[in-house]
Amino acid sequence: MALVPARVFAIANQKGGVAKTTTVHSLGAALVGFGQRTLLVDLDPQACLTFSNGINPDELDVSLHDVFLGRKQAHEVLVKTQSGTHLLPACIDLAGAELHLLTKTGREFALRRALKPLRDEYDVILLDCPPSLGILTINGLTAADEVLIPLQCETLSRRGVGQLLETIDDVRDFTNPDLAIGGVIATMFDARTNHSRNVLLSVQQEHSIQVLHPPVRKSIRFAEAPEQGKTIFDLDPHSKGADAYRRLARHLAGLPSLDEAEPASAPDGTDDERTDTGDRDPGEALQLASGLSAR
């Protein structure tokens, strides 16, 4: 058993298509690689995290839906994934569980209660919240110690951050006063454009939120991996995207930085043009944009 209860991170952003599921999937696999006992929780009725782990949501006999309805305990629906994480899977029935929760007293605490018996069994628990600010996301925020906000580096994604922060403030007021904001994870980052860098800088300035280093570059490999039930580390372990998630995972686990790690680029010093875009290192680009010296 873990010496202390697992740290619980909710990965949340009400805007869809910002790589929430990719972030949970990749961080989970990276954490396991560092010896961290890791549980993933799929709170989205679309079940993209479940599918990304090579599990067909339509063929599940039990899922998180059954936990919310009181039919099963969380440990009874756990599955082990190919990457070594454990998963509380979802299916489309979870949409019905959301309606069920709306009729219940203390509905915001359903996930926290379900996870309580499991927290001593893991080092880290990652919650993949749906692209909405409904009761399932509120359950995730209520159960979490910290929120991580994946942010696609474009204006429309940035505009939704303020609304999410208002929801976080409400959760602090009513259900989880200790909820912290762990930071922004910049996803689909294109270091070639001033726009990407300016979006991150504006988030820092407007909301005083830490942007975690390094940003995650755009990569076609992230789109290809779920189709094969694989992670970025299986498909392209030396890509800059894989390296970014390793570094972010080390930060979450409280491990020393990976500055001395092997270079993320391919052996010949170049990246597959389908895999990464941008000529400037994204961490350097962000530091230059914010007036900081590169590491």
C-alpha atoms as a PDB file:
ATOM      1  CA  MET A   1       0.000   0.000   0.000  1.00  0.00           C
ATOM      2  CA  ALA A   2       1.017   3.584  -0.583  1.00  0.00           C
ATOM      3  CA  LEU A   3       2.304   5.406   2.478  1.00  0.00           C
ATOM      4  CA  VAL A   4       0.056   8.376   1.751  1.00  0.00           C
ATOM      5  CA  PRO A   5      -3.222   8.596  -0.177  1.00  0.00           C
ATOM      6  CA  ALA A   6      -2.950   9.114  -3.905  1.00  0.00           C
ATOM      7  CA  ARG A   7      -2.792  12.627  -5.263  1.00  0.00           C
ATOM      8  CA  VAL A   8      -5.864  13.167  -7.389  1.00  0.00           C
ATOM      9  CA  PHE A   9      -5.668  15.375 -10.477  1.00  0.00           C
ATOM     10  CA  ALA A  10      -8.726  16.432 -12.477  1.00  0.00           C
ATOM     11  CA  ILE A  11      -7.872  17.194 -16.089  1.00  0.00           C
ATOM     12  CA  ALA A  12     -10.601  19.625 -17.084  1.00  0.00           C
ATOM     13  CA  ASN A  13     -11.558  22.106 -19.764  1.00  0.00           C
ATOM     14  CA  GLN A  14     -15.126  22.534 -20.962  1.00  0.00           C
ATOM     15  CA  LYS A  15     -13.923  23.106 -24.512  1.00  0.00           C
ATOM     16  CA  GLY A  16     -13.675  19.924 -26.537  1.00  0.00           C
ATOM     17  CA  GLY A  17     -10.706  18.996 -28.700  1.00  0.00           C
ATOM     18  CA  VAL A  18      -8.006  20.365 -26.396  1.00  0.00           C
ATOM     19  CA  ALA A  19      -6.317  16.983 -25.767  1.00  0.00           C
ATOM     20  CA  LYS A  20      -7.733  16.207 -22.315  1.00  0.00           C
ATOM     21  CA  THR A  21      -7.935  12.496 -23.035  1.00  0.00           C
ATOM     22  CA  THR A  22      -4.552  12.419 -24.761  1.00  0.00           C
ATOM     23  CA  THR A  23      -3.064  14.161 -21.735  1.00  0.00           C
ATOM     24  CA  VAL A  24      -4.579  11.698 -19.238  1.00  0.00           C
ATOM     25  CA  HIS A  25      -3.600   8.702 -21.369  1.00  0.00           C
ATOM     26  CA  SER A  26      -0.035   9.893 -21.915  1.00  0.00           C
ATOM     27  CA  LEU A  27       0.605  11.098 -18.376  1.00  0.00           C
ATOM     28  CA  GLY A  28      -0.750   7.833 -16.989  1.00  0.00           C
ATOM     29  CA  ALA A  29       1.576   5.721 -19.092  1.00  0.00           C
ATOM     30  CA  ALA A  30       4.536   7.943 -18.278  1.00  0.00           C
ATOM     31  CA  LEU A  31       3.823   7.771 -14.551  1.00  0.00           C
ATOM     32  CA  VAL A  32       3.732   3.978 -14.661  1.00  0.00           C
ATOM     33  CA  GLY A  33       7.097   4.088 -16.397  1.00  0.00           C
ATOM     34  CA  PHE A  34       8.430   5.973 -13.378  1.00  0.00           C
ATOM     35  CA  GLY A  35       7.115   3.353 -10.968  1.00  0.00           C
ATOM     36  CA  GLN A  36       3.990   5.261  -9.947  1.00  0.00           C
ATOM     37  CA  ARG A  37       0.865   3.220  -9.254  1.00  0.00           C
ATOM     38  CA  THR A  38      -1.618   5.045 -11.426  1.00  0.00           C
ATOM     39  CA  LEU A  39      -5.394   4.940 -11.752  1.00  0.00           C
ATOM     40  CA  LEU A  40      -7.230   6.564 -14.657  1.00  0.00           C
ATOM     41  CA  VAL A  41     -10.902   7.489 -14.366  1.00  0.00           C
ATOM     42  CA  ASP A  42     -12.986   8.042 -17.507  1.00  0.00           C
ATOM     43  CA  LEU A  43     -15.744  10.506 -16.610  1.00  0.00           C
ATOM     44  CA  ASP A  44     -16.817  11.154 -20.195  1.00  0.00           C
ATOM     45  CA  PRO A  45     -19.841   9.254 -21.596  1.00  0.00           C
ATOM     46  CA  GLN A  46     -18.098   9.357 -24.987  1.00  0.00           C
ATOM     47  CA  ALA A  47     -15.561   6.963 -23.391  1.00  0.00           C
ATOM     48  CA  CYS A  48     -12.615   8.173 -25.450  1.00  0.00           C
ATOM     49  CA  LEU A  49     -10.123   7.351 -22.695  1.00  0.00           C
ATOM     50  CA  THR A  50     -11.526   3.842 -22.419  1.00  0.00           C
ATOM     51  CA  PHE A  51     -11.268   3.364 -26.182  1.00  0.00           C
ATOM     52  CA  SER A  52      -7.760   4.835 -26.279  1.00  0.00           C
ATOM     53  CA  ASN A  53      -6.647   2.117 -23.873  1.00  0.00           C
ATOM     54  CA  GLY A  54      -7.741  -0.586 -26.302  1.00  0.00           C
ATOM     55  CA  ILE A  55     -11.044  -1.360 -24.543  1.00  0.00           C
ATOM     56  CA  ASN A  56     -14.305  -1.381 -26.500  1.00  0.00           C
ATOM     57  CA  PRO A  57     -16.830   0.588 -24.401  1.00  0.00           C
ATOM     58  CA  ASP A  58     -19.718  -1.180 -26.140  1.00  0.00           C
ATOM     59  CA  GLU A  59     -18.532  -4.560 -24.877  1.00  0.00           C
ATOM     60  CA  LEU A  60     -18.175  -3.680 -21.201  1.00  0.00           C
ATOM     61  CA  ASP A  61     -20.281  -5.606 -18.733  1.00  0.00           C
ATOM     62  CA  VAL A  62     -19.734  -3.043 -15.967  1.00  0.00           C
ATOM     63  CA  SER A  63     -18.403   0.506 -15.921  1.00  0.00           C
ATOM     64  CA  LEU A  64     -18.288   3.686 -13.856  1.00  0.00           C
ATOM     65  CA  HIS A  65     -21.984   4.002 -14.625  1.00  0.00           C
ATOM     66  CA  ASP A  66     -22.668   1.036 -12.324  1.00  0.00           C
ATOM     67  CA  VAL A  67     -20.614   2.631  -9.564  1.00  0.00           C
ATOM     68  CA  PHE A  68     -22.619   5.841  -9.694  1.00  0.00           C
ATOM     69  CA  LEU A  69     -25.865   3.870  -9.616  1.00  0.00           C
ATOM     70  CA  GLY A  70     -24.694   1.919  -6.553  1.00  0.00           C
ATOM     71  CA  ARG A  71     -24.688  -1.442  -8.308  1.00  0.00           C
ATOM     72  CA  LYS A  72     -20.929  -1.971  -7.953  1.00  0.00           C
ATOM     73  CA  GLN A  73     -18.007  -0.784  -5.872  1.00  0.00           C
ATOM     74  CA  ALA A  74     -15.222   0.949  -7.774  1.00  0.00           C
ATOM     75  CA  HIS A  75     -12.751  -1.927  -7.258  1.00  0.00           C
ATOM     76  CA  GLU A  76     -15.235  -4.287  -8.945  1.00  0.00           C
ATOM     77  CA  VAL A  77     -15.098  -2.468 -12.282  1.00  0.00           C
ATOM     78  CA  LEU A  78     -11.353  -1.799 -12.465  1.00  0.00           C
ATOM     79  CA  VAL A  79      -9.519  -3.037 -15.547  1.00  0.00           C
ATOM     80  CA  LYS A  80      -5.777  -3.133 -16.200  1.00  0.00           C
ATOM     81  CA  THR A  81      -4.560  -1.513 -19.409  1.00  0.00           C
ATOM     82  CA  GLN A  82      -1.727  -2.477 -21.723  1.00  0.00           C
ATOM     83  CA  SER A  83       0.350   0.439 -20.446  1.00  0.00           C
ATOM     84  CA  GLY A  84       0.138  -0.841 -16.860  1.00  0.00           C
ATOM     85  CA  THR A  85      -2.329   1.700 -15.512  1.00  0.00           C
ATOM     86  CA  HIS A  86      -5.621   0.729 -13.922  1.00  0.00           C
ATOM     87  CA  LEU A  87      -8.792   2.200 -15.379  1.00  0.00           C
ATOM     88  CA  LEU A  88     -12.314   2.914 -14.229  1.00  0.00           C
ATOM     89  CA  PRO A  89     -13.878   2.679 -17.687  1.00  0.00           C
ATOM     90  CA  ALA A  90     -16.836   4.541 -19.160  1.00  0.00           C
ATOM     91  CA  CYS A  91     -19.520   3.797 -21.701  1.00  0.00           C
ATOM     92  CA  ILE A  92     -22.437   5.735 -23.166  1.00  0.00           C
ATOM     93  CA  ASP A  93     -24.590   4.649 -20.212  1.00  0.00           C
ATOM     94  CA  LEU A  94     -22.663   7.161 -18.123  1.00  0.00           C
ATOM     95  CA  ALA A  95     -24.905   9.835 -19.617  1.00  0.00           C
ATOM     96  CA  GLY A  96     -27.787   8.117 -17.812  1.00  0.00           C
ATOM     97  CA  ALA A  97     -25.799   8.115 -14.588  1.00  0.00           C
ATOM     98  CA  GLU A  98     -25.477  11.883 -14.912  1.00  0.00           C
ATOM     99  CA  LEU A  99     -29.256  12.207 -14.982  1.00  0.00           C
ATOM    100  CA  HIS A 100     -29.508   9.825 -12.027  1.00  0.00           C
ATOM    101  CA  LEU A 101     -27.063  11.895  -9.986  1.00  0.00           C
ATOM    102  CA  LEU A 102     -29.125  15.036 -10.518  1.00  0.00           C
ATOM    103  CA  THR A 103     -31.898  13.497  -8.409  1.00  0.00           C
ATOM    104  CA  LYS A 104     -29.641  12.583  -5.484  1.00  0.00           C
ATOM    105  CA  THR A 105     -28.651  14.494  -2.377  1.00  0.00           C
ATOM    106  CA  GLY A 106     -24.892  15.048  -2.191  1.00  0.00           C
ATOM    107  CA  ARG A 107     -24.578  14.251  -5.875  1.00  0.00           C
ATOM    108  CA  GLU A 108     -21.369  16.298  -6.166  1.00  0.00           C
ATOM    109  CA  PHE A 109     -19.588  13.888  -3.807  1.00  0.00           C
ATOM    110  CA  ALA A 110     -20.420  10.607  -5.575  1.00  0.00           C
ATOM    111  CA  LEU A 111     -16.999  10.166  -7.181  1.00  0.00           C
ATOM    112  CA  ARG A 112     -15.112  11.220  -4.067  1.00  0.00           C
ATOM    113  CA  ARG A 113     -16.963   8.564  -2.056  1.00  0.00           C
ATOM    114  CA  ALA A 114     -16.338   5.934  -4.727  1.00  0.00           C
ATOM    115  CA  LEU A 115     -12.602   6.653  -4.852  1.00  0.00           C
ATOM    116  CA  LYS A 116     -12.035   6.851  -1.109  1.00  0.00           C
ATOM    117  CA  PRO A 117     -11.387   3.085  -0.625  1.00  0.00           C
ATOM    118  CA  LEU A 118      -8.887   3.157  -3.524  1.00  0.00           C
ATOM    119  CA  ARG A 119      -6.734   6.144  -2.625  1.00  0.00           C
ATOM    120  CA  ASP A 120      -4.336   4.139  -0.467  1.00  0.00           C
ATOM    121  CA  GLU A 121      -3.740   1.715  -3.334  1.00  0.00           C
ATOM    122  CA  TYR A 122      -2.308   4.269  -5.777  1.00  0.00           C
ATOM    123  CA  ASP A 123       0.252   7.041  -5.982  1.00  0.00           C
ATOM    124  CA  VAL A 124      -1.605   9.118  -8.574  1.00  0.00           C
ATOM    125  CA  ILE A 125      -5.218   9.206  -9.800  1.00  0.00           C
ATOM    126  CA  LEU A 126      -6.021  11.069 -13.031  1.00  0.00           C
ATOM    127  CA  LEU A 127      -9.612  12.071 -13.794  1.00  0.00           C
ATOM    128  CA  ASP A 128     -10.559  12.648 -17.443  1.00  0.00           C
ATOM    129  CA  CYS A 129     -13.436  15.133 -17.211  1.00  0.00           C
ATOM    130  CA  PRO A 130     -15.984  15.549 -20.036  1.00  0.00           C
ATOM    131  CA  PRO A 131     -16.046  18.680 -22.236  1.00  0.00           C
ATOM    132  CA  SER A 132     -18.734  20.406 -20.183  1.00  0.00           C
ATOM    133  CA  LEU A 133     -19.256  21.973 -16.779  1.00  0.00           C
ATOM    134  CA  GLY A 134     -22.020  19.534 -15.819  1.00  0.00           C
ATOM    135  CA  ILE A 135     -22.419  17.257 -12.815  1.00  0.00           C
ATOM    136  CA  LEU A 136     -19.754  14.770 -13.958  1.00  0.00           C
ATOM    137  CA  THR A 137     -17.118  17.487 -14.198  1.00  0.00           C
ATOM    138  CA  ILE A 138     -18.255  18.888 -10.840  1.00  0.00           C
ATOM    139  CA  ASN A 139     -17.778  15.388  -9.397  1.00  0.00           C
ATOM    140  CA  GLY A 140     -14.254  15.338 -10.791  1.00  0.00           C
ATOM    141  CA  LEU A 141     -13.400  18.743  -9.327  1.00  0.00           C
ATOM    142  CA  THR A 142     -14.922  17.795  -5.976  1.00  0.00           C
ATOM    143  CA  ALA A 143     -12.866  14.584  -5.819  1.00  0.00           C
ATOM    144  CA  ALA A 144      -9.593  16.192  -6.907  1.00  0.00           C
ATOM    145  CA  ASP A 145      -6.705  17.736  -5.029  1.00  0.00           C
ATOM    146  CA  GLU A 146      -5.594  19.735  -8.060  1.00  0.00           C
ATOM    147  CA  VAL A 147      -6.891  20.757 -11.477  1.00  0.00           C
ATOM    148  CA  LEU A 148      -4.749  20.587 -14.604  1.00  0.00           C
ATOM    149  CA  ILE A 149      -6.057  22.592 -17.562  1.00  0.00           C
ATOM    150  CA  PRO A 150      -5.072  21.380 -21.034  1.00  0.00           C
ATOM    151  CA  LEU A 151      -5.093  24.427 -23.284  1.00  0.00           C
ATOM    152  CA  GLN A 152      -4.938  24.343 -27.033  1.00  0.00           C
ATOM    153  CA  CYS A 153      -2.825  27.321 -27.990  1.00  0.00           C
ATOM    154  CA  GLU A 154      -5.485  29.318 -29.796  1.00  0.00           C
ATOM    155  CA  THR A 155      -7.807  32.191 -28.907  1.00  0.00           C
ATOM    156  CA  LEU A 156     -11.081  30.262 -28.669  1.00  0.00           C
ATOM    157  CA  SER A 157      -9.573  27.798 -26.222  1.00  0.00           C
ATOM    158  CA  ARG A 158      -8.121  30.620 -24.107  1.00  0.00           C
ATOM    159  CA  ARG A 159     -11.509  32.350 -23.842  1.00  0.00           C
ATOM    160  CA  GLY A 160     -12.977  29.366 -21.988  1.00  0.00           C
ATOM    161  CA  VAL A 161     -10.402  29.444 -19.190  1.00  0.00           C
ATOM    162  CA  GLY A 162     -12.188  32.226 -17.326  1.00  0.00           C
ATOM    163  CA  GLN A 163     -15.444  30.266 -17.236  1.00  0.00           C
ATOM    164  CA  LEU A 164     -13.664  27.185 -15.918  1.00  0.00           C
ATOM    165  CA  LEU A 165     -11.999  29.258 -13.216  1.00  0.00           C
ATOM    166  CA  GLU A 166     -15.409  30.565 -12.129  1.00  0.00           C
ATOM    167  CA  THR A 167     -16.605  26.975 -11.784  1.00  0.00           C
ATOM    168  CA  ILE A 168     -13.499  26.116  -9.769  1.00  0.00           C
ATOM    169  CA  ASP A 169     -14.276  29.030  -7.449  1.00  0.00           C
ATOM    170  CA  ASP A 170     -17.826  27.693  -6.983  1.00  0.00           C
ATOM    171  CA  VAL A 171     -16.490  24.243  -6.181  1.00  0.00           C
ATOM    172  CA  ARG A 172     -14.148  25.741  -3.608  1.00  0.00           C
ATOM    173  CA  ASP A 173     -17.071  27.596  -2.032  1.00  0.00           C
ATOM    174  CA  PHE A 174     -19.438  24.627  -1.815  1.00  0.00           C
ATOM    175  CA  THR A 175     -17.781  21.216  -2.096  1.00  0.00           C
ATOM    176  CA  ASN A 176     -13.961  21.295  -2.111  1.00  0.00           C
ATOM    177  CA  PRO A 177     -12.348  24.303  -0.409  1.00  0.00           C
ATOM    178  CA  ASP A 178      -8.836  22.854  -0.777  1.00  0.00           C
ATOM    179  CA  LEU A 179      -8.978  22.452  -4.563  1.00  0.00           C
ATOM    180  CA  ALA A 180      -5.786  23.854  -6.111  1.00  0.00           C
ATOM    181  CA  ILE A 181      -4.956  24.771  -9.692  1.00  0.00           C
ATOM    182  CA  GLY A 182      -1.906  22.735 -10.679  1.00  0.00           C
ATOM    183  CA  GLY A 183      -1.357  24.681 -13.877  1.00  0.00           C
ATOM    184  CA  VAL A 184      -1.993  24.841 -17.597  1.00  0.00           C
ATOM    185  CA  ILE A 185      -0.659  22.182 -19.961  1.00  0.00           C
ATOM    186  CA  ALA A 186      -0.130  23.737 -23.367  1.00  0.00           C
ATOM    187  CA  THR A 187      -1.225  21.244 -26.040  1.00  0.00           C
ATOM    188  CA  MET A 188      -0.972  21.178 -29.830  1.00  0.00           C
ATOM    189  CA  PHE A 189       1.711  23.831 -29.539  1.00  0.00           C
ATOM    190  CA  ASP A 190       3.183  25.283 -32.737  1.00  0.00           C
ATOM    191  CA  ALA A 191       6.388  27.114 -31.870  1.00  0.00           C
ATOM    192  CA  ARG A 192       6.570  28.648 -35.349  1.00  0.00           C
ATOM    193  CA  THR A 193       3.678  31.011 -34.656  1.00  0.00           C
ATOM    194  CA  ASN A 194       3.583  34.120 -32.486  1.00  0.00           C
ATOM    195  CA  HIS A 195      -0.087  33.343 -31.883  1.00  0.00           C
ATOM    196  CA  SER A 196       0.626  30.178 -29.878  1.00  0.00           C
ATOM    197  CA  ARG A 197       3.172  31.920 -27.701  1.00  0.00           C
ATOM    198  CA  ASN A 198       0.954  34.957 -27.177  1.00  0.00           C
ATOM    199  CA  VAL A 199      -1.993  32.804 -26.094  1.00  0.00           C
ATOM    200  CA  LEU A 200       0.086  31.233 -23.335  1.00  0.00           C
ATOM    201  CA  LEU A 201       1.481  34.561 -22.260  1.00  0.00           C
ATOM    202  CA  SER A 202      -2.003  36.090 -22.078  1.00  0.00           C
ATOM    203  CA  VAL A 203      -3.259  33.207 -19.905  1.00  0.00           C
ATOM    204  CA  GLN A 204      -0.397  33.787 -17.486  1.00  0.00           C
ATOM    205  CA  GLN A 205      -1.009  37.514 -17.360  1.00  0.00           C
ATOM    206  CA  GLU A 206      -4.821  37.517 -17.214  1.00  0.00           C
ATOM    207  CA  HIS A 207      -5.358  34.643 -14.792  1.00  0.00           C
ATOM    208  CA  SER A 208      -2.028  34.301 -12.948  1.00  0.00           C
ATOM    209  CA  ILE A 209      -1.919  30.579 -13.737  1.00  0.00           C
ATOM    210  CA  GLN A 210       1.322  28.680 -14.030  1.00  0.00           C
ATOM    211  CA  VAL A 211       1.991  27.220 -17.482  1.00  0.00           C
ATOM    212  CA  LEU A 212       3.747  23.903 -16.943  1.00  0.00           C
ATOM    213  CA  HIS A 213       6.929  23.242 -18.882  1.00  0.00           C
ATOM    214  CA  PRO A 214       7.305  22.026 -21.558  1.00  0.00           C
ATOM    215  CA  PRO A 215       4.434  22.670 -23.995  1.00  0.00           C
ATOM    216  CA  VAL A 216       3.332  19.633 -25.999  1.00  0.00           C
ATOM    217  CA  ARG A 217       3.961  20.013 -29.702  1.00  0.00           C
ATOM    218  CA  LYS A 218       1.477  19.115 -32.406  1.00  0.00           C
ATOM    219  CA  SER A 219       1.946  15.541 -33.561  1.00  0.00           C
ATOM    220  CA  ILE A 220       0.019  13.249 -35.878  1.00  0.00           C
ATOM    221  CA  ARG A 221       1.172  10.365 -33.656  1.00  0.00           C
ATOM    222  CA  PHE A 222      -1.262  11.437 -30.940  1.00  0.00           C
ATOM    223  CA  ALA A 223      -4.126  10.936 -33.394  1.00  0.00           C
ATOM    224  CA  GLU A 224      -2.784   7.576 -34.591  1.00  0.00           C
ATOM    225  CA  ALA A 225      -2.164   6.014 -31.179  1.00  0.00           C
ATOM    226  CA  PRO A 226      -5.809   5.528 -29.988  1.00  0.00           C
ATOM    227  CA  GLU A 227      -6.696   3.689 -33.180  1.00  0.00           C
ATOM    228  CA  GLN A 228      -4.187   1.015 -32.172  1.00  0.00           C
ATOM    229  CA  GLY A 229      -4.917   1.120 -28.453  1.00  0.00           C
ATOM    230  CA  LYS A 230      -1.387   2.375 -27.867  1.00  0.00           C
ATOM    231  CA  THR A 231       0.281   5.324 -26.171  1.00  0.00           C
ATOM    232  CA  ILE A 232       2.638   7.841 -27.720  1.00  0.00           C
ATOM    233  CA  PHE A 233       5.461   5.966 -25.974  1.00  0.00           C
ATOM    234  CA  ASP A 234       4.625   2.793 -27.893  1.00  0.00           C
ATOM    235  CA  LEU A 235       4.191   4.537 -31.218  1.00  0.00           C
ATOM    236  CA  ASP A 236       6.944   7.148 -31.192  1.00  0.00           C
ATOM    237  CA  PRO A 237       8.901   7.093 -27.927  1.00  0.00           C
ATOM    238  CA  HIS A 238      11.603   9.518 -29.121  1.00  0.00           C
ATOM    239  CA  SER A 239       9.228  12.226 -30.343  1.00  0.00           C
ATOM    240  CA  LYS A 240       9.120  15.640 -28.692  1.00  0.00           C
ATOM    241  CA  GLY A 241       5.511  14.969 -27.685  1.00  0.00           C
ATOM    242  CA  ALA A 242       6.506  11.826 -25.793  1.00  0.00           C
ATOM    243  CA  ASP A 243       9.391  13.657 -24.152  1.00  0.00           C
ATOM    244  CA  ALA A 244       7.089  16.511 -23.074  1.00  0.00           C
ATOM    245  CA  TYR A 245       4.657  14.156 -21.348  1.00  0.00           C
ATOM    246  CA  ARG A 246       7.520  12.344 -19.612  1.00  0.00           C
ATOM    247  CA  ARG A 247       8.754  15.636 -18.202  1.00  0.00           C
ATOM    248  CA  LEU A 248       5.269  16.699 -17.152  1.00  0.00           C
ATOM    249  CA  ALA A 249       4.714  13.326 -15.478  1.00  0.00           C
ATOM    250  CA  ARG A 250       7.937  13.689 -13.508  1.00  0.00           C
ATOM    251  CA  HIS A 251       6.700  17.063 -12.291  1.00  0.00           C
ATOM    252  CA  LEU A 252       3.370  15.600 -11.148  1.00  0.00           C
ATOM    253  CA  ALA A 253       5.134  12.745  -9.368  1.00  0.00           C
ATOM    254  CA  GLY A 254       7.514  15.125  -7.617  1.00  0.00           C
ATOM    255  CA  LEU A 255      10.534  13.505  -9.264  1.00  0.00           C
ATOM    256  CA  PRO A 256      13.746  15.336 -10.222  1.00  0.00           C
ATOM    257  CA  SER A 257      13.684  17.138 -13.548  1.00  0.00           C
ATOM    258  CA  LEU A 258      14.767  15.352 -16.691  1.00  0.00           C
ATOM    259  CA  ASP A 259      17.225  17.990 -17.904  1.00  0.00           C
ATOM    260  CA  GLU A 260      19.948  15.408 -18.301  1.00  0.00           C
ATOM    261  CA  ALA A 261      17.719  13.037 -20.277  1.00  0.00           C
ATOM    262  CA  GLU A 262      18.502  11.915 -23.775  1.00  0.00           C
ATOM    263  CA  PRO A 263      17.437  14.284 -26.576  1.00  0.00           C
ATOM    264  CA  ALA A 264      13.857  13.869 -27.736  1.00  0.00           C
ATOM    265  CA  SER A 265      14.683  14.193 -31.419  1.00  0.00           C
ATOM    266  CA  ALA A 266      15.228  11.327 -33.791  1.00  0.00           C
ATOM    267  CA  PRO A 267      18.758   9.866 -34.061  1.00  0.00           C
ATOM    268  CA  ASP A 268      19.649  12.018 -37.083  1.00  0.00           C
ATOM    269  CA  GLY A 269      18.662  15.175 -35.210  1.00  0.00           C
ATOM    270  CA  THR A 270      15.459  15.724 -37.172  1.00  0.00           C
ATOM    271  CA  ASP A 271      11.827  14.833 -36.530  1.00  0.00           C
ATOM    272  CA  ASP A 272       9.417  13.093 -38.847  1.00  0.00           C
ATOM    273  CA  GLU A 273       7.681  15.995 -40.577  1.00  0.00           C
ATOM    274  CA  ARG A 274       4.337  14.299 -39.953  1.00  0.00           C
ATOM    275  CA  THR A 275       5.086  14.059 -36.261  1.00  0.00           C
ATOM    276  CA  ASP A 276       6.138  17.484 -35.044  1.00  0.00           C
ATOM    277  CA  THR A 277       5.859  21.025 -36.341  1.00  0.00           C
ATOM    278  CA  GLY A 278       7.902  24.061 -35.484  1.00  0.00           C
ATOM    279  CA  ASP A 279      11.579  24.783 -35.705  1.00  0.00           C
ATOM    280  CA  ARG A 280      12.038  26.429 -32.334  1.00  0.00           C
ATOM    281  CA  ASP A 281      12.010  24.455 -29.115  1.00  0.00           C
ATOM    282  CA  PRO A 282       8.578  25.114 -27.521  1.00  0.00           C
ATOM    283  CA  GLY A 283       9.984  25.609 -24.041  1.00  0.00           C
ATOM    284  CA  GLU A 284      12.433  28.191 -25.354  1.00  0.00           C
ATOM    285  CA  ALA A 285       9.670  29.873 -27.318  1.00  0.00           C
ATOM    286  CA  LEU A 286       7.458  30.235 -24.277  1.00  0.00           C
ATOM    287  CA  GLN A 287      10.313  31.572 -22.181  1.00  0.00           C
ATOM    288  CA  LEU A 288      11.187  34.136 -24.822  1.00  0.00           C
ATOM    289  CA  ALA A 289       7.566  35.201 -25.061  1.00  0.00           C
ATOM    290  CA  SER A 290       7.346  35.753 -21.325  1.00  0.00           C
ATOM    291  CA  GLY A 291      10.620  37.652 -21.168  1.00  0.00           C
ATOM    292  CA  LEU A 292      12.498  34.855 -19.419  1.00  0.00           C
ATOM    293  CA  SER A 293      15.883  33.554 -20.421  1.00  0.00           C
ATOM    294  CA  ALA A 294      15.948  30.090 -21.971  1.00  0.00           C
ATOM    295  CA  ARG A 295      17.078  27.257 -19.755  1.00  0.00           C
END
